[in-house]
Structure formats: C-alpha cells, structure tokens
Amino acid sequence: MMTVPESPDQNPQSSGLIRKTGVAVAGGAVTVAGVVMLVTPGPGIVAIAVGLGILGTEFKRPRRLLDRVKNKITGNDT
C-alpha cells in the first residue's frame, strides 16, 4: 500500500514542483496582462518587467532577458 505524504514538507521534490508551477503561472499571468496593456490603457512595460522578474526567480531565460533589457536601458551594454 502506498502512503501519501501529508504535507509538501515531507516530499521536497513536490514542494519544489509546486513552487515552480506557481511562479510560472503567476509570472506568466502578469506578463500576459502586460502585453494586453500595451494595446489598452495601463502600464504594460512595467507589468512585463514585473512578470519577467517573477519568472526570473525560478527560470534562467527570463532572468537573462530582463538583465539584457536593464543593461540596454541603463547604457551598460557589454
């Protein structure tokens, strides 16, 4: 008979997957909302940057993209 862990603390892999999924959903939703705000009233660019920041906490590609955009804005191109 298979036992099911009672909390995510008992199985670190599942808690990592839950966190990664939550970050992906939240960051994706904020990024999509930012893209929508580019054609409707609202701070679209700011929302996209925030969405990429959220995604960048768990995924490398959004972090690199956000770093590149920040470097272009500040003039620190390398």
Protein backbone atom coordinates (compact mmCIF):
# COMPACT_ATOMS: atom_id res chain seq x y z
CA MET A 1 0.00 0.00 0.00
CA MET A 2 1.33 3.39 -0.98
CA THR A 3 1.34 6.23 1.54
CA VAL A 4 0.71 9.79 0.52
CA PRO A 5 2.79 12.50 2.22
CA GLU A 6 0.60 14.65 4.41
CA SER A 7 2.38 17.92 3.65
CA PRO A 8 4.74 19.20 0.96
CA ASP A 9 7.47 19.40 3.63
CA GLN A 10 7.67 15.61 3.66
CA ASN A 11 8.50 15.44 -0.05
CA PRO A 12 10.91 18.24 -1.09
CA GLN A 13 10.59 17.40 -4.79
CA SER A 14 6.85 18.01 -4.83
CA SER A 15 7.17 21.30 -2.96
CA GLY A 16 9.78 22.45 -5.50
CA LEU A 17 7.49 21.50 -8.35
CA ILE A 18 4.56 23.28 -6.70
CA ARG A 19 6.66 26.41 -6.22
CA LYS A 20 7.96 26.33 -9.79
CA THR A 21 4.44 25.85 -11.14
CA GLY A 22 3.09 28.70 -9.01
CA VAL A 23 5.87 31.02 -10.15
CA ALA A 24 5.27 30.06 -13.79
CA VAL A 25 1.53 30.70 -13.54
CA ALA A 26 1.87 33.99 -11.65
CA GLY A 27 4.72 35.33 -13.78
CA GLY A 28 3.04 34.24 -17.00
CA ALA A 29 -0.24 35.88 -16.00
CA VAL A 30 1.45 39.18 -15.13
CA THR A 31 3.47 39.10 -18.38
CA VAL A 32 0.37 38.36 -20.49
CA ALA A 33 -1.50 41.14 -18.68
CA GLY A 34 1.39 43.48 -19.54
CA VAL A 35 1.20 42.54 -23.22
CA VAL A 36 -2.55 43.23 -23.16
CA MET A 37 -1.87 46.58 -21.50
CA LEU A 38 0.38 47.56 -24.41
CA VAL A 39 -2.74 47.99 -26.55
CA THR A 40 -5.11 49.04 -23.76
CA PRO A 41 -4.66 51.71 -21.11
CA GLY A 42 -2.26 50.63 -18.42
CA PRO A 43 1.41 50.30 -17.53
CA GLY A 44 2.21 47.49 -19.99
CA ILE A 45 6.00 47.75 -19.98
CA VAL A 46 6.13 47.84 -16.19
CA ALA A 47 3.87 44.79 -15.93
CA ILE A 48 6.01 42.88 -18.44
CA ALA A 49 9.14 43.73 -16.44
CA VAL A 50 7.47 42.60 -13.21
CA GLY A 51 6.30 39.38 -14.88
CA LEU A 52 9.80 38.66 -16.13
CA GLY A 53 11.14 39.38 -12.66
CA ILE A 54 8.74 36.86 -11.16
CA LEU A 55 9.62 34.26 -13.80
CA GLY A 56 13.32 35.02 -13.31
CA THR A 57 13.20 33.80 -9.73
CA GLU A 58 12.86 30.21 -10.99
CA PHE A 59 13.88 30.23 -14.66
CA LYS A 60 17.14 31.39 -16.26
CA ARG A 61 15.91 32.65 -19.64
CA PRO A 62 13.56 35.34 -18.29
CA ARG A 63 16.30 36.48 -15.88
CA ARG A 64 18.80 36.84 -18.75
CA LEU A 65 16.25 38.70 -20.90
CA LEU A 66 15.42 41.07 -18.05
CA ASP A 67 19.14 41.66 -17.40
CA ARG A 68 19.71 42.45 -21.09
CA VAL A 69 16.82 44.91 -21.14
CA LYS A 70 18.06 46.58 -17.94
CA ASN A 71 21.55 46.91 -19.41
CA LYS A 72 20.20 48.50 -22.59
CA ILE A 73 18.10 50.96 -20.61
CA THR A 74 20.96 52.00 -18.32
CA GLY A 75 23.53 52.04 -21.13
CA ASN A 76 25.71 49.33 -19.59
CA ASP A 77 25.90 47.20 -22.76
CA THR A 78 28.81 44.79 -22.63
